[in-house]
């Protein structure tokens, strides 16, 4: 008799939880829904990352130019890597547009 009551306990608890308003609200929300505040936060974080990346890219370009000035052949790779780092936002946006996924590109905000 006691084991039968214990077997019904999870079903009873699930019924109680389903009756509360928070449980109903969380069960009905779709998993893929993104709030606008989260999107804005991600866009701001992306803007900060691209800002530091741009500065780092410019420093790499400058360092590559200095290496070329002193006759070092590795300066060319420094310039190329700096261009890629500094232009990462534009490169990724162009790639998204080329492959038809322009809705997936987020605009970084500062």
PDB file of N, CA and C in Angstrom:
ATOM      1  N   UNK A   1       0.806  -1.191   0.000  1.00  0.00           N
ATOM      2  CA  UNK A   1       0.000   0.000   0.000  1.00  0.00           C
ATOM      3  C   UNK A   1       0.857   1.267   0.000  1.00  0.00           C
ATOM      4  N   UNK A   2       1.949   1.248   0.790  1.00  0.00           N
ATOM      5  CA  UNK A   2       2.815   2.415   0.854  1.00  0.00           C
ATOM      6  C   UNK A   2       3.587   2.608  -0.449  1.00  0.00           C
ATOM      7  N   UNK A   3       4.004   1.537  -1.114  1.00  0.00           N
ATOM      8  CA  UNK A   3       4.729   1.678  -2.367  1.00  0.00           C
ATOM      9  C   UNK A   3       3.836   2.235  -3.462  1.00  0.00           C
ATOM     10  N   UNK A   4       2.561   1.938  -3.437  1.00  0.00           N
ATOM     11  CA  UNK A   4       1.642   2.485  -4.439  1.00  0.00           C
ATOM     12  C   UNK A   4       1.525   4.000  -4.277  1.00  0.00           C
ATOM     13  N   UNK A   5       1.526   4.464  -3.035  1.00  0.00           N
ATOM     14  CA  UNK A   5       1.461   5.900  -2.786  1.00  0.00           C
ATOM     15  C   UNK A   5       2.755   6.578  -3.235  1.00  0.00           C
ATOM     16  N   UNK A   6       3.892   5.917  -3.052  1.00  0.00           N
ATOM     17  CA  UNK A   6       5.167   6.481  -3.492  1.00  0.00           C
ATOM     18  C   UNK A   6       5.266   6.542  -5.007  1.00  0.00           C
ATOM     19  N   UNK A   7       4.666   5.584  -5.695  1.00  0.00           N
ATOM     20  CA  UNK A   7       4.696   5.600  -7.156  1.00  0.00           C
ATOM     21  C   UNK A   7       3.840   6.726  -7.720  1.00  0.00           C
ATOM     22  N   UNK A   8       2.805   7.112  -7.015  1.00  0.00           N
ATOM     23  CA  UNK A   8       1.937   8.201  -7.471  1.00  0.00           C
ATOM     24  C   UNK A   8       2.482   9.575  -7.099  1.00  0.00           C
ATOM     25  N   UNK A   9       3.500   9.630  -6.230  1.00  0.00           N
ATOM     26  CA  UNK A   9       4.049  10.898  -5.773  1.00  0.00           C
ATOM     27  C   UNK A   9       4.635  11.747  -6.908  1.00  0.00           C
ATOM     28  N   UNK A  10       5.436  11.205  -7.821  1.00  0.00           N
ATOM     29  CA  UNK A  10       5.949  12.057  -8.912  1.00  0.00           C
ATOM     30  C   UNK A  10       4.848  12.645  -9.789  1.00  0.00           C
ATOM     31  N   UNK A  11       3.817  11.877 -10.050  1.00  0.00           N
ATOM     32  CA  UNK A  11       2.712  12.389 -10.861  1.00  0.00           C
ATOM     33  C   UNK A  11       1.980  13.505 -10.135  1.00  0.00           C
ATOM     34  N   UNK A  12       1.834  13.364  -8.821  1.00  0.00           N
ATOM     35  CA  UNK A  12       1.159  14.400  -8.039  1.00  0.00           C
ATOM     36  C   UNK A  12       1.999  15.670  -8.000  1.00  0.00           C
ATOM     37  N   UNK A  13       3.320  15.518  -7.833  1.00  0.00           N
ATOM     38  CA  UNK A  13       4.198  16.692  -7.821  1.00  0.00           C
ATOM     39  C   UNK A  13       4.221  17.395  -9.172  1.00  0.00           C
ATOM     40  N   UNK A  14       4.209  16.627 -10.245  1.00  0.00           N
ATOM     41  CA  UNK A  14       4.178  17.233 -11.575  1.00  0.00           C
ATOM     42  C   UNK A  14       2.882  17.999 -11.786  1.00  0.00           C
ATOM     43  N   UNK A  15       1.789  17.490 -11.280  1.00  0.00           N
ATOM     44  CA  UNK A  15       0.510  18.193 -11.387  1.00  0.00           C
ATOM     45  C   UNK A  15       0.513  19.490 -10.616  1.00  0.00           C
ATOM     46  N   UNK A  16       1.129  19.491  -9.425  1.00  0.00           N
ATOM     47  CA  UNK A  16       1.212  20.710  -8.618  1.00  0.00           C
ATOM     48  C   UNK A  16       2.090  21.749  -9.305  1.00  0.00           C
ATOM     49  N   UNK A  17       3.235  21.302  -9.851  1.00  0.00           N
ATOM     50  CA  UNK A  17       4.124  22.238 -10.543  1.00  0.00           C
ATOM     51  C   UNK A  17       3.496  22.800 -11.812  1.00  0.00           C
ATOM     52  N   UNK A  18       2.719  21.986 -12.513  1.00  0.00           N
ATOM     53  CA  UNK A  18       2.078  22.457 -13.740  1.00  0.00           C
ATOM     54  C   UNK A  18       0.999  23.469 -13.445  1.00  0.00           C
ATOM     55  N   UNK A  19       0.468  23.455 -12.225  1.00  0.00           N
ATOM     56  CA  UNK A  19      -0.605  24.382 -11.877  1.00  0.00           C
ATOM     57  C   UNK A  19      -0.083  25.768 -11.528  1.00  0.00           C
ATOM     58  N   UNK A  20       1.195  25.898 -11.218  1.00  0.00           N
ATOM     59  CA  UNK A  20       1.729  27.215 -10.874  1.00  0.00           C
ATOM     60  C   UNK A  20       1.923  28.044 -12.137  1.00  0.00           C
ATOM     61  N   UNK A  21       1.867  29.349 -11.996  1.00  0.00           N
ATOM     62  CA  UNK A  21       1.952  30.223 -13.165  1.00  0.00           C
ATOM     63  C   UNK A  21       3.341  30.220 -13.782  1.00  0.00           C
ATOM     64  N   UNK A  22       4.418  30.107 -12.959  1.00  0.00           N
ATOM     65  CA  UNK A  22       5.763  30.119 -13.515  1.00  0.00           C
ATOM     66  C   UNK A  22       6.019  28.878 -14.349  1.00  0.00           C
ATOM     67  N   UNK A  23       5.530  27.750 -13.880  1.00  0.00           N
ATOM     68  CA  UNK A  23       5.730  26.512 -14.633  1.00  0.00           C
ATOM     69  C   UNK A  23       4.987  26.576 -15.960  1.00  0.00           C
ATOM     70  N   UNK A  24       3.794  27.146 -15.950  1.00  0.00           N
ATOM     71  CA  UNK A  24       3.055  27.276 -17.210  1.00  0.00           C
ATOM     72  C   UNK A  24       3.779  28.200 -18.180  1.00  0.00           C
ATOM     73  N   UNK A  25       4.299  29.325 -17.671  1.00  0.00           N
ATOM     74  CA  UNK A  25       4.961  30.296 -18.544  1.00  0.00           C
ATOM     75  C   UNK A  25       6.243  29.725 -19.135  1.00  0.00           C
ATOM     76  N   UNK A  26       7.028  29.032 -18.332  1.00  0.00           N
ATOM     77  CA  UNK A  26       8.287  28.520 -18.850  1.00  0.00           C
ATOM     78  C   UNK A  26       8.078  27.351 -19.797  1.00  0.00           C
ATOM     79  N   UNK A  27       7.021  26.600 -19.617  1.00  0.00           N
ATOM     80  CA  UNK A  27       6.775  25.466 -20.497  1.00  0.00           C
ATOM     81  C   UNK A  27       6.265  25.914 -21.860  1.00  0.00           C
ATOM     82  N   UNK A  28       5.649  27.065 -21.946  1.00  0.00           N
ATOM     83  CA  UNK A  28       5.069  27.515 -23.202  1.00  0.00           C
ATOM     84  C   UNK A  28       6.010  28.357 -24.045  1.00  0.00           C
ATOM     85  N   UNK A  29       7.127  28.825 -23.461  1.00  0.00           N
ATOM     86  CA  UNK A  29       8.067  29.650 -24.222  1.00  0.00           C
ATOM     87  C   UNK A  29       8.857  28.790 -25.197  1.00  0.00           C
ATOM     88  N   UNK A  30       8.997  29.239 -26.439  1.00  0.00           N
ATOM     89  CA  UNK A  30       9.839  28.482 -27.373  1.00  0.00           C
ATOM     90  C   UNK A  30      11.307  28.610 -26.985  1.00  0.00           C
ATOM     91  N   UNK A  31      12.075  27.568 -27.258  1.00  0.00           N
ATOM     92  CA  UNK A  31      13.475  27.556 -26.858  1.00  0.00           C
ATOM     93  C   UNK A  31      14.329  28.492 -27.697  1.00  0.00           C
ATOM     94  N   UNK A  32      13.969  28.742 -28.945  1.00  0.00           N
ATOM     95  CA  UNK A  32      14.806  29.529 -29.843  1.00  0.00           C
ATOM     96  C   UNK A  32      14.506  31.019 -29.779  1.00  0.00           C
ATOM     97  N   UNK A  33      13.623  31.431 -28.898  1.00  0.00           N
ATOM     98  CA  UNK A  33      13.267  32.842 -28.822  1.00  0.00           C
ATOM     99  C   UNK A  33      14.395  33.621 -28.163  1.00  0.00           C
ATOM    100  N   UNK A  34      14.805  34.718 -28.800  1.00  0.00           N
ATOM    101  CA  UNK A  34      15.870  35.558 -28.265  1.00  0.00           C
ATOM    102  C   UNK A  34      15.280  36.917 -27.965  1.00  0.00           C
ATOM    103  N   UNK A  35      15.485  37.382 -26.756  1.00  0.00           N
ATOM    104  CA  UNK A  35      14.951  38.690 -26.396  1.00  0.00           C
ATOM    105  C   UNK A  35      15.780  39.786 -27.046  1.00  0.00           C
ATOM    106  N   UNK A  36      15.186  40.945 -27.173  1.00  0.00           N
ATOM    107  CA  UNK A  36      15.897  42.055 -27.815  1.00  0.00           C
ATOM    108  C   UNK A  36      17.041  42.546 -26.934  1.00  0.00           C
ATOM    109  N   UNK A  37      16.905  42.443 -25.619  1.00  0.00           N
ATOM    110  CA  UNK A  37      17.999  42.888 -24.755  1.00  0.00           C
ATOM    111  C   UNK A  37      19.222  41.984 -24.903  1.00  0.00           C
ATOM    112  N   UNK A  38      19.015  40.683 -25.101  1.00  0.00           N
ATOM    113  CA  UNK A  38      20.140  39.775 -25.320  1.00  0.00           C
ATOM    114  C   UNK A  38      20.822  40.081 -26.647  1.00  0.00           C
ATOM    115  N   UNK A  39      20.031  40.333 -27.683  1.00  0.00           N
ATOM    116  CA  UNK A  39      20.599  40.656 -28.995  1.00  0.00           C
ATOM    117  C   UNK A  39      21.394  41.956 -28.925  1.00  0.00           C
ATOM    118  N   UNK A  40      20.865  42.942 -28.228  1.00  0.00           N
ATOM    119  CA  UNK A  40      21.570  44.209 -28.076  1.00  0.00           C
ATOM    120  C   UNK A  40      22.864  44.020 -27.296  1.00  0.00           C
ATOM    121  N   UNK A  41      22.842  43.193 -26.273  1.00  0.00           N
ATOM    122  CA  UNK A  41      24.048  42.932 -25.480  1.00  0.00           C
ATOM    123  C   UNK A  41      25.114  42.239 -26.310  1.00  0.00           C
ATOM    124  N   UNK A  42      24.705  41.266 -27.119  1.00  0.00           N
ATOM    125  CA  UNK A  42      25.660  40.562 -27.969  1.00  0.00           C
ATOM    126  C   UNK A  42      26.229  41.508 -29.022  1.00  0.00           C
ATOM    127  N   UNK A  43      25.397  42.389 -29.573  1.00  0.00           N
ATOM    128  CA  UNK A  43      25.886  43.345 -30.561  1.00  0.00           C
ATOM    129  C   UNK A  43      26.883  44.321 -29.937  1.00  0.00           C
ATOM    130  N   UNK A  44      26.650  44.728 -28.699  1.00  0.00           N
ATOM    131  CA  UNK A  44      27.589  45.618 -28.014  1.00  0.00           C
ATOM    132  C   UNK A  44      28.905  44.905 -27.736  1.00  0.00           C
ATOM    133  N   UNK A  45      28.828  43.654 -27.266  1.00  0.00           N
ATOM    134  CA  UNK A  45      30.054  42.889 -27.019  1.00  0.00           C
ATOM    135  C   UNK A  45      30.823  42.667 -28.315  1.00  0.00           C
ATOM    136  N   UNK A  46      30.101  42.403 -29.403  1.00  0.00           N
ATOM    137  CA  UNK A  46      30.735  42.211 -30.703  1.00  0.00           C
ATOM    138  C   UNK A  46      31.424  43.496 -31.164  1.00  0.00           C
ATOM    139  N   UNK A  47      30.795  44.631 -30.912  1.00  0.00           N
ATOM    140  CA  UNK A  47      31.402  45.911 -31.260  1.00  0.00           C
ATOM    141  C   UNK A  47      32.692  46.162 -30.500  1.00  0.00           C
ATOM    142  N   UNK A  48      32.712  45.802 -29.216  1.00  0.00           N
ATOM    143  CA  UNK A  48      33.925  45.991 -28.413  1.00  0.00           C
ATOM    144  C   UNK A  48      35.040  45.080 -28.917  1.00  0.00           C
ATOM    145  N   UNK A  49      34.698  43.814 -29.239  1.00  0.00           N
ATOM    146  CA  UNK A  49      35.702  42.882 -29.759  1.00  0.00           C
ATOM    147  C   UNK A  49      36.274  43.392 -31.078  1.00  0.00           C
ATOM    148  N   UNK A  50      35.411  43.884 -31.966  1.00  0.00           N
ATOM    149  CA  UNK A  50      35.891  44.384 -33.251  1.00  0.00           C
ATOM    150  C   UNK A  50      36.699  45.664 -33.088  1.00  0.00           C
ATOM    151  N   UNK A  51      36.371  46.471 -32.096  1.00  0.00           N
ATOM    152  CA  UNK A  51      37.142  47.689 -31.847  1.00  0.00           C
ATOM    153  C   UNK A  51      38.575  47.340 -31.444  1.00  0.00           C
ATOM    154  N   UNK A  52      38.724  46.396 -30.503  1.00  0.00           N
ATOM    155  CA  UNK A  52      40.065  45.974 -30.107  1.00  0.00           C
ATOM    156  C   UNK A  52      40.771  45.239 -31.249  1.00  0.00           C
ATOM    157  N   UNK A  53      40.022  44.456 -32.019  1.00  0.00           N
ATOM    158  CA  UNK A  53      40.612  43.762 -33.168  1.00  0.00           C
ATOM    159  C   UNK A  53      41.117  44.726 -34.219  1.00  0.00           C
ATOM    160  N   UNK A  54      40.394  45.814 -34.446  1.00  0.00           N
ATOM    161  CA  UNK A  54      40.830  46.814 -35.418  1.00  0.00           C
ATOM    162  C   UNK A  54      42.135  47.470 -34.973  1.00  0.00           C
ATOM    163  N   UNK A  55      42.187  47.822 -33.686  1.00  0.00           N
ATOM    164  CA  UNK A  55      43.412  48.449 -33.169  1.00  0.00           C
ATOM    165  C   UNK A  55      44.580  47.474 -33.265  1.00  0.00           C
ATOM    166  N   UNK A  56      44.355  46.208 -32.903  1.00  0.00           N
ATOM    167  CA  UNK A  56      45.403  45.195 -32.978  1.00  0.00           C
ATOM    168  C   UNK A  56      45.851  44.973 -34.426  1.00  0.00           C
ATOM    169  N   UNK A  57      44.901  44.980 -35.367  1.00  0.00           N
ATOM    170  CA  UNK A  57      45.238  44.825 -36.782  1.00  0.00           C
ATOM    171  C   UNK A  57      46.098  45.969 -37.295  1.00  0.00           C
ATOM    172  N   UNK A  58      45.762  47.183 -36.892  1.00  0.00           N
ATOM    173  CA  UNK A  58      46.551  48.343 -37.313  1.00  0.00           C
ATOM    174  C   UNK A  58      47.964  48.249 -36.744  1.00  0.00           C
ATOM    175  N   UNK A  59      48.092  47.791 -35.513  1.00  0.00           N
ATOM    176  CA  UNK A  59      49.422  47.619 -34.907  1.00  0.00           C
ATOM    177  C   UNK A  59      50.209  46.558 -35.675  1.00  0.00           C
ATOM    178  N   UNK A  60      49.539  45.463 -36.077  1.00  0.00           N
ATOM    179  CA  UNK A  60      50.224  44.427 -36.860  1.00  0.00           C
ATOM    180  C   UNK A  60      50.664  44.959 -38.223  1.00  0.00           C
ATOM    181  N   UNK A  61      49.837  45.758 -38.856  1.00  0.00           N
ATOM    182  CA  UNK A  61      50.210  46.349 -40.148  1.00  0.00           C
ATOM    183  C   UNK A  61      51.423  47.253 -39.975  1.00  0.00           C
ATOM    184  N   UNK A  62      51.404  48.065 -38.931  1.00  0.00           N
ATOM    185  CA  UNK A  62      52.528  48.971 -38.671  1.00  0.00           C
ATOM    186  C   UNK A  62      53.812  48.187 -38.401  1.00  0.00           C
ATOM    187  N   UNK A  63      53.689  47.112 -37.596  1.00  0.00           N
ATOM    188  CA  UNK A  63      54.858  46.290 -37.304  1.00  0.00           C
ATOM    189  C   UNK A  63      55.392  45.583 -38.538  1.00  0.00           C
ATOM    190  N   UNK A  64      54.490  45.119 -39.407  1.00  0.00           N
ATOM    191  CA  UNK A  64      54.919  44.488 -40.657  1.00  0.00           C
ATOM    192  C   UNK A  64      55.616  45.465 -41.574  1.00  0.00           C
ATOM    193  N   UNK A  65      55.110  46.690 -41.611  1.00  0.00           N
ATOM    194  CA  UNK A  65      55.756  47.709 -42.439  1.00  0.00           C
ATOM    195  C   UNK A  65      57.151  48.043 -41.903  1.00  0.00           C
ATOM    196  N   UNK A  66      57.291  48.066 -40.581  1.00  0.00           N
ATOM    197  CA  UNK A  66      58.607  48.325 -39.989  1.00  0.00           C
ATOM    198  C   UNK A  66      59.582  47.187 -40.290  1.00  0.00           C
ATOM    199  N   UNK A  67      59.071  45.936 -40.269  1.00  0.00           N
ATOM    200  CA  UNK A  67      59.938  44.792 -40.597  1.00  0.00           C
ATOM    201  C   UNK A  67      60.384  44.849 -42.055  1.00  0.00           C
ATOM    202  N   UNK A  68      59.454  45.213 -42.948  1.00  0.00           N
ATOM    203  CA  UNK A  68      59.819  45.341 -44.361  1.00  0.00           C
ATOM    204  C   UNK A  68      60.841  46.449 -44.558  1.00  0.00           C
ATOM    205  N   UNK A  69      60.705  47.515 -43.802  1.00  0.00           N
ATOM    206  CA  UNK A  69      61.625  48.647 -43.906  1.00  0.00           C
ATOM    207  C   UNK A  69      63.051  48.228 -43.535  1.00  0.00           C
ATOM    208  N   UNK A  70      63.145  47.288 -42.577  1.00  0.00           N
ATOM    209  CA  UNK A  70      64.458  46.818 -42.140  1.00  0.00           C
ATOM    210  C   UNK A  70      64.940  45.600 -42.918  1.00  0.00           C
ATOM    211  N   UNK A  71      64.184  45.190 -43.954  1.00  0.00           N
ATOM    212  CA  UNK A  71      64.624  44.112 -44.822  1.00  0.00           C
ATOM    213  C   UNK A  71      64.192  42.719 -44.413  1.00  0.00           C
ATOM    214  N   UNK A  72      63.280  42.592 -43.472  1.00  0.00           N
ATOM    215  CA  UNK A  72      62.805  41.285 -43.030  1.00  0.00           C
ATOM    216  C   UNK A  72      61.638  40.848 -43.918  1.00  0.00           C
ATOM    217  N   UNK A  73      61.722  39.643 -44.466  1.00  0.00           N
ATOM    218  CA  UNK A  73      60.682  39.157 -45.374  1.00  0.00           C
ATOM    219  C   UNK A  73      59.390  38.786 -44.642  1.00  0.00           C
ATOM    220  N   UNK A  74      59.455  38.575 -43.330  1.00  0.00           N
ATOM    221  CA  UNK A  74      58.251  38.232 -42.563  1.00  0.00           C
ATOM    222  C   UNK A  74      57.300  39.423 -42.399  1.00  0.00           C
ATOM    223  N   UNK A  75      57.713  40.579 -42.795  1.00  0.00           N
ATOM    224  CA  UNK A  75      56.865  41.762 -42.687  1.00  0.00           C
ATOM    225  C   UNK A  75      55.622  41.676 -43.554  1.00  0.00           C
ATOM    226  N   UNK A  76      55.731  40.966 -44.688  1.00  0.00           N
ATOM    227  CA  UNK A  76      54.567  40.822 -45.573  1.00  0.00           C
ATOM    228  C   UNK A  76      53.433  40.077 -44.877  1.00  0.00           C
ATOM    229  N   UNK A  77      53.800  39.015 -44.147  1.00  0.00           N
ATOM    230  CA  UNK A  77      52.772  38.248 -43.439  1.00  0.00           C
ATOM    231  C   UNK A  77      52.166  39.067 -42.304  1.00  0.00           C
ATOM    232  N   UNK A  78      52.955  39.934 -41.707  1.00  0.00           N
ATOM    233  CA  UNK A  78      52.432  40.817 -40.665  1.00  0.00           C
ATOM    234  C   UNK A  78      51.401  41.779 -41.229  1.00  0.00           C
ATOM    235  N   UNK A  79      51.664  42.282 -42.411  1.00  0.00           N
ATOM    236  CA  UNK A  79      50.715  43.195 -43.053  1.00  0.00           C
ATOM    237  C   UNK A  79      49.430  42.464 -43.434  1.00  0.00           C
ATOM    238  N   UNK A  80      49.566  41.270 -44.021  1.00  0.00           N
ATOM    239  CA  UNK A  80      48.389  40.493 -44.419  1.00  0.00           C
ATOM    240  C   UNK A  80      47.555  40.107 -43.198  1.00  0.00           C
ATOM    241  N   UNK A  81      48.211  39.649 -42.140  1.00  0.00           N
ATOM    242  CA  UNK A  81      47.462  39.270 -40.936  1.00  0.00           C
ATOM    243  C   UNK A  81      46.794  40.487 -40.309  1.00  0.00           C
ATOM    244  N   UNK A  82      47.440  41.623 -40.328  1.00  0.00           N
ATOM    245  CA  UNK A  82      46.830  42.846 -39.803  1.00  0.00           C
ATOM    246  C   UNK A  82      45.604  43.261 -40.588  1.00  0.00           C
ATOM    247  N   UNK A  83      45.664  43.124 -41.912  1.00  0.00           N
ATOM    248  CA  UNK A  83      44.499  43.461 -42.747  1.00  0.00           C
ATOM    249  C   UNK A  83      43.333  42.529 -42.432  1.00  0.00           C
ATOM    250  N   UNK A  84      43.629  41.240 -42.276  1.00  0.00           N
ATOM    251  CA  UNK A  84      42.563  40.279 -41.975  1.00  0.00           C
ATOM    252  C   UNK A  84      41.964  40.546 -40.603  1.00  0.00           C
ATOM    253  N   UNK A  85      42.796  40.816 -39.614  1.00  0.00           N
ATOM    254  CA  UNK A  85      42.299  41.083 -38.261  1.00  0.00           C
ATOM    255  C   UNK A  85      41.489  42.381 -38.224  1.00  0.00           C
ATOM    256  N   UNK A  86      42.013  43.433 -38.852  1.00  0.00           N
ATOM    257  CA  UNK A  86      41.325  44.721 -38.817  1.00  0.00           C
ATOM    258  C   UNK A  86      40.019  44.697 -39.602  1.00  0.00           C
ATOM    259  N   UNK A  87      39.956  43.924 -40.663  1.00  0.00           N
ATOM    260  CA  UNK A  87      38.754  43.889 -41.490  1.00  0.00           C
ATOM    261  C   UNK A  87      37.869  42.688 -41.250  1.00  0.00           C
ATOM    262  N   UNK A  88      37.989  42.054 -40.084  1.00  0.00           N
ATOM    263  CA  UNK A  88      37.239  40.827 -39.817  1.00  0.00           C
ATOM    264  C   UNK A  88      35.720  41.039 -39.899  1.00  0.00           C
ATOM    265  N   UNK A  89      35.231  42.164 -39.412  1.00  0.00           N
ATOM    266  CA  UNK A  89      33.790  42.424 -39.436  1.00  0.00           C
ATOM    267  C   UNK A  89      33.283  42.524 -40.875  1.00  0.00           C
ATOM    268  N   UNK A  90      33.994  43.256 -41.703  1.00  0.00           N
ATOM    269  CA  UNK A  90      33.575  43.414 -43.093  1.00  0.00           C
ATOM    270  C   UNK A  90      33.710  42.102 -43.864  1.00  0.00           C
ATOM    271  N   UNK A  91      34.764  41.345 -43.583  1.00  0.00           N
ATOM    272  CA  UNK A  91      34.963  40.067 -44.271  1.00  0.00           C
ATOM    273  C   UNK A  91      33.840  39.092 -43.932  1.00  0.00           C
ATOM    274  N   UNK A  92      33.490  38.982 -42.660  1.00  0.00           N
ATOM    275  CA  UNK A  92      32.439  38.045 -42.250  1.00  0.00           C
ATOM    276  C   UNK A  92      31.072  38.480 -42.775  1.00  0.00           C
ATOM    277  N   UNK A  93      30.795  39.765 -42.762  1.00  0.00           N
ATOM    278  CA  UNK A  93      29.519  40.243 -43.303  1.00  0.00           C
ATOM    279  C   UNK A  93      29.424  39.945 -44.789  1.00  0.00           C
ATOM    280  N   UNK A  94      30.517  40.131 -45.523  1.00  0.00           N
ATOM    281  CA  UNK A  94      30.531  39.830 -46.958  1.00  0.00           C
ATOM    282  C   UNK A  94      30.333  38.333 -47.205  1.00  0.00           C
ATOM    283  N   UNK A  95      30.980  37.493 -46.403  1.00  0.00           N
ATOM    284  CA  UNK A  95      30.806  36.046 -46.576  1.00  0.00           C
ATOM    285  C   UNK A  95      29.373  35.609 -46.290  1.00  0.00           C
ATOM    286  N   UNK A  96      28.766  36.178 -45.241  1.00  0.00           N
ATOM    287  CA  UNK A  96      27.365  35.859 -44.956  1.00  0.00           C
ATOM    288  C   UNK A  96      26.477  36.264 -46.131  1.00  0.00           C
ATOM    289  N   UNK A  97      26.719  37.444 -46.716  1.00  0.00           N
ATOM    290  CA  UNK A  97      25.907  37.919 -47.833  1.00  0.00           C
ATOM    291  C   UNK A  97      26.125  37.066 -49.083  1.00  0.00           C
ATOM    292  N   UNK A  98      27.365  36.656 -49.341  1.00  0.00           N
ATOM    293  CA  UNK A  98      27.663  35.844 -50.525  1.00  0.00           C
ATOM    294  C   UNK A  98      26.934  34.512 -50.478  1.00  0.00           C
ATOM    295  N   UNK A  99      26.899  33.896 -49.296  1.00  0.00           N
ATOM    296  CA  UNK A  99      26.271  32.590 -49.175  1.00  0.00           C
ATOM    297  C   UNK A  99      24.793  32.659 -48.818  1.00  0.00           C
ATOM    298  N   UNK A 100      24.178  33.834 -48.934  1.00  0.00           N
ATOM    299  CA  UNK A 100      22.740  33.982 -48.761  1.00  0.00           C
ATOM    300  C   UNK A 100      22.262  33.918 -47.323  1.00  0.00           C
ATOM    301  N   UNK A 101      23.122  34.208 -46.378  1.00  0.00           N
ATOM    302  CA  UNK A 101      22.744  34.171 -44.979  1.00  0.00           C
ATOM    303  C   UNK A 101      22.891  35.542 -44.339  1.00  0.00           C
ATOM    304  N   UNK A 102      22.498  36.584 -45.056  1.00  0.00           N
ATOM    305  CA  UNK A 102      22.692  37.940 -44.542  1.00  0.00           C
ATOM    306  C   UNK A 102      21.836  38.235 -43.326  1.00  0.00           C
ATOM    307  N   UNK A 103      20.764  37.458 -43.105  1.00  0.00           N
ATOM    308  CA  UNK A 103      19.955  37.649 -41.904  1.00  0.00           C
ATOM    309  C   UNK A 103      20.700  37.188 -40.652  1.00  0.00           C
ATOM    310  N   UNK A 104      21.700  36.330 -40.810  1.00  0.00           N
ATOM    311  CA  UNK A 104      22.452  35.840 -39.660  1.00  0.00           C
ATOM    312  C   UNK A 104      23.541  36.781 -39.199  1.00  0.00           C
ATOM    313  N   UNK A 105      23.865  37.788 -39.995  1.00  0.00           N
ATOM    314  CA  UNK A 105      24.930  38.726 -39.621  1.00  0.00           C
ATOM    315  C   UNK A 105      24.374  39.758 -38.653  1.00  0.00           C
ATOM    316  N   UNK A 106      25.081  39.951 -37.559  1.00  0.00           N
ATOM    317  CA  UNK A 106      24.690  40.959 -36.575  1.00  0.00           C
ATOM    318  C   UNK A 106      25.543  42.200 -36.790  1.00  0.00           C
ATOM    319  N   UNK A 107      24.938  43.354 -36.593  1.00  0.00           N
ATOM    320  CA  UNK A 107      25.661  44.604 -36.730  1.00  0.00           C
ATOM    321  C   UNK A 107      26.251  44.981 -35.377  1.00  0.00           C
ATOM    322  N   UNK A 108      27.580  45.074 -35.275  1.00  0.00           N
ATOM    323  CA  UNK A 108      28.155  45.458 -33.986  1.00  0.00           C
ATOM    324  C   UNK A 108      27.837  46.909 -33.663  1.00  0.00           C
ATOM    325  N   UNK A 109      27.534  47.157 -32.404  1.00  0.00           N
ATOM    326  CA  UNK A 109      27.253  48.524 -31.962  1.00  0.00           C
ATOM    327  C   UNK A 109      28.320  48.934 -30.956  1.00  0.00           C
ATOM    328  N   UNK A 110      28.554  50.234 -30.877  1.00  0.00           N
ATOM    329  CA  UNK A 110      29.584  50.760 -29.985  1.00  0.00           C
ATOM    330  C   UNK A 110      28.952  51.643 -28.939  1.00  0.00           C
TER     331      UNK A 110
END
